[in-house]
Amino acid sequence: ISTTSCDAFSRLYRELAKESQFRPPYGFPEYCDVEELWQFFPKNYFHVVFVSNALDHTVHPIRGLKLLLWVLHPDGKLLLRHFRNVHPERWMSLSDGQHQWGFDVDVGASGEQ
Protein backbone atom coordinates (compact mmCIF):
# COMPACT_ATOMS: atom_id res chain seq x y z
CA ILE A 1 0.00 0.00 0.00
CA SER A 2 1.35 3.36 -0.99
CA THR A 3 0.64 6.32 1.29
CA THR A 4 1.06 10.06 0.89
CA SER A 5 1.25 12.30 3.92
CA CYS A 6 0.59 16.03 3.48
CA ASP A 7 0.81 18.97 5.84
CA ALA A 8 0.74 22.73 5.35
CA PHE A 9 3.55 23.02 7.92
CA SER A 10 5.85 20.51 6.25
CA ARG A 11 8.42 23.18 5.38
CA LEU A 12 8.56 24.28 9.01
CA TYR A 13 9.02 20.67 10.14
CA ARG A 14 11.99 20.32 7.80
CA GLU A 15 13.58 23.51 9.13
CA LEU A 16 13.16 22.41 12.74
CA ALA A 17 14.51 18.95 11.94
CA LYS A 18 17.53 20.48 10.22
CA GLU A 19 18.29 22.60 13.29
CA SER A 20 17.94 19.65 15.67
CA GLN A 21 19.37 17.02 13.28
CA PHE A 22 16.20 14.96 13.71
CA ARG A 23 15.20 12.55 10.97
CA PRO A 24 11.69 11.10 11.19
CA PRO A 25 11.71 7.32 10.63
CA TYR A 26 9.07 7.47 7.87
CA GLY A 27 10.19 10.71 6.25
CA PHE A 28 8.57 14.11 6.15
CA PRO A 29 5.07 14.87 4.94
CA GLU A 30 4.76 16.57 1.58
CA TYR A 31 3.87 20.26 1.61
CA CYS A 32 0.25 20.84 0.69
CA ASP A 33 -2.46 23.06 2.09
CA VAL A 34 -5.92 21.48 1.94
CA GLU A 35 -7.15 24.43 -0.13
CA GLU A 36 -4.42 23.73 -2.71
CA LEU A 37 -4.97 19.99 -3.18
CA TRP A 38 -6.05 20.51 -6.79
CA GLN A 39 -2.58 21.90 -7.59
CA PHE A 40 -0.75 18.82 -6.26
CA PHE A 41 -3.02 15.88 -7.03
CA PRO A 42 -5.32 14.98 -9.92
CA LYS A 43 -9.05 14.47 -9.52
CA ASN A 44 -10.09 11.04 -8.14
CA TYR A 45 -6.48 10.29 -7.14
CA PHE A 46 -6.88 8.77 -3.65
CA HIS A 47 -8.92 5.75 -2.57
CA VAL A 48 -8.73 6.72 1.10
CA VAL A 49 -8.37 10.22 2.53
CA PHE A 50 -7.81 10.59 6.28
CA VAL A 51 -7.82 14.00 7.97
CA SER A 52 -7.09 14.30 11.66
CA ASN A 53 -7.65 17.54 13.59
CA ALA A 54 -6.88 19.78 10.62
CA LEU A 55 -9.98 21.21 8.95
CA ASP A 56 -10.85 23.23 12.05
CA HIS A 57 -7.51 25.03 11.64
CA THR A 58 -8.31 26.33 8.14
CA VAL A 59 -9.92 29.61 7.20
CA HIS A 60 -12.24 27.91 4.68
CA PRO A 61 -13.09 24.38 5.93
CA ILE A 62 -15.97 23.85 3.49
CA ARG A 63 -13.67 24.65 0.55
CA GLY A 64 -11.13 22.24 2.05
CA LEU A 65 -13.77 19.54 2.41
CA LYS A 66 -14.84 20.02 -1.22
CA LEU A 67 -11.24 19.62 -2.37
CA LEU A 68 -10.78 16.50 -0.23
CA LEU A 69 -13.78 15.05 -2.05
CA TRP A 70 -12.34 16.25 -5.38
CA VAL A 71 -9.11 14.22 -4.93
CA LEU A 72 -11.07 11.23 -3.62
CA HIS A 73 -11.89 8.37 -5.98
CA PRO A 74 -15.69 7.98 -6.52
CA ASP A 75 -15.63 4.65 -4.62
CA GLY A 76 -13.20 5.99 -2.01
CA LYS A 77 -13.60 6.66 1.69
CA LEU A 78 -13.16 9.99 3.45
CA LEU A 79 -12.34 9.67 7.15
CA LEU A 80 -12.47 12.78 9.34
CA ARG A 81 -11.27 12.81 12.94
CA HIS A 82 -11.62 16.08 14.82
CA PHE A 83 -12.18 17.16 18.39
CA ARG A 84 -15.68 18.41 19.17
CA ASN A 85 -16.06 22.18 19.57
CA VAL A 86 -12.47 23.01 20.49
CA HIS A 87 -12.36 26.74 21.21
CA PRO A 88 -9.50 27.40 23.62
CA GLU A 89 -8.87 30.92 22.35
CA ARG A 90 -11.01 34.02 22.50
CA TRP A 91 -11.37 35.05 18.88
CA MET A 92 -11.11 38.56 17.55
CA SER A 93 -10.99 37.60 13.86
CA LEU A 94 -10.56 34.55 11.62
CA SER A 95 -6.79 34.95 11.81
CA ASP A 96 -6.75 34.64 15.63
CA GLY A 97 -5.83 31.35 17.26
CA GLN A 98 -5.22 27.97 15.77
CA HIS A 99 -8.79 26.67 15.98
CA GLN A 100 -10.81 28.64 13.48
CA TRP A 101 -13.97 26.53 13.67
CA GLY A 102 -15.75 24.22 16.07
CA PHE A 103 -17.01 20.95 14.62
CA ASP A 104 -19.81 18.98 16.19
CA VAL A 105 -22.11 16.07 15.45
CA ASP A 106 -25.63 17.03 14.41
CA VAL A 107 -28.23 14.54 15.55
CA GLY A 108 -31.18 14.72 13.18
CA ALA A 109 -34.85 14.11 13.90
CA SER A 110 -34.35 10.37 13.43
CA GLY A 111 -31.69 10.35 16.15
CA GLU A 112 -28.98 9.23 13.72
CA GLN A 113 -25.60 10.94 13.58
Foldseek 3Di string as FASTA:
>chain_A
DDDAAEDQCQVVVVVVCVVVVDADPVGTHHYDDLLCLVVPAQFQQDQEAEEEADLQQDLDSVSSVVSVNRNHHPNHYYHYHHDAQDDPDDDPDCVPDRGNDGDDDDQDPVRDD
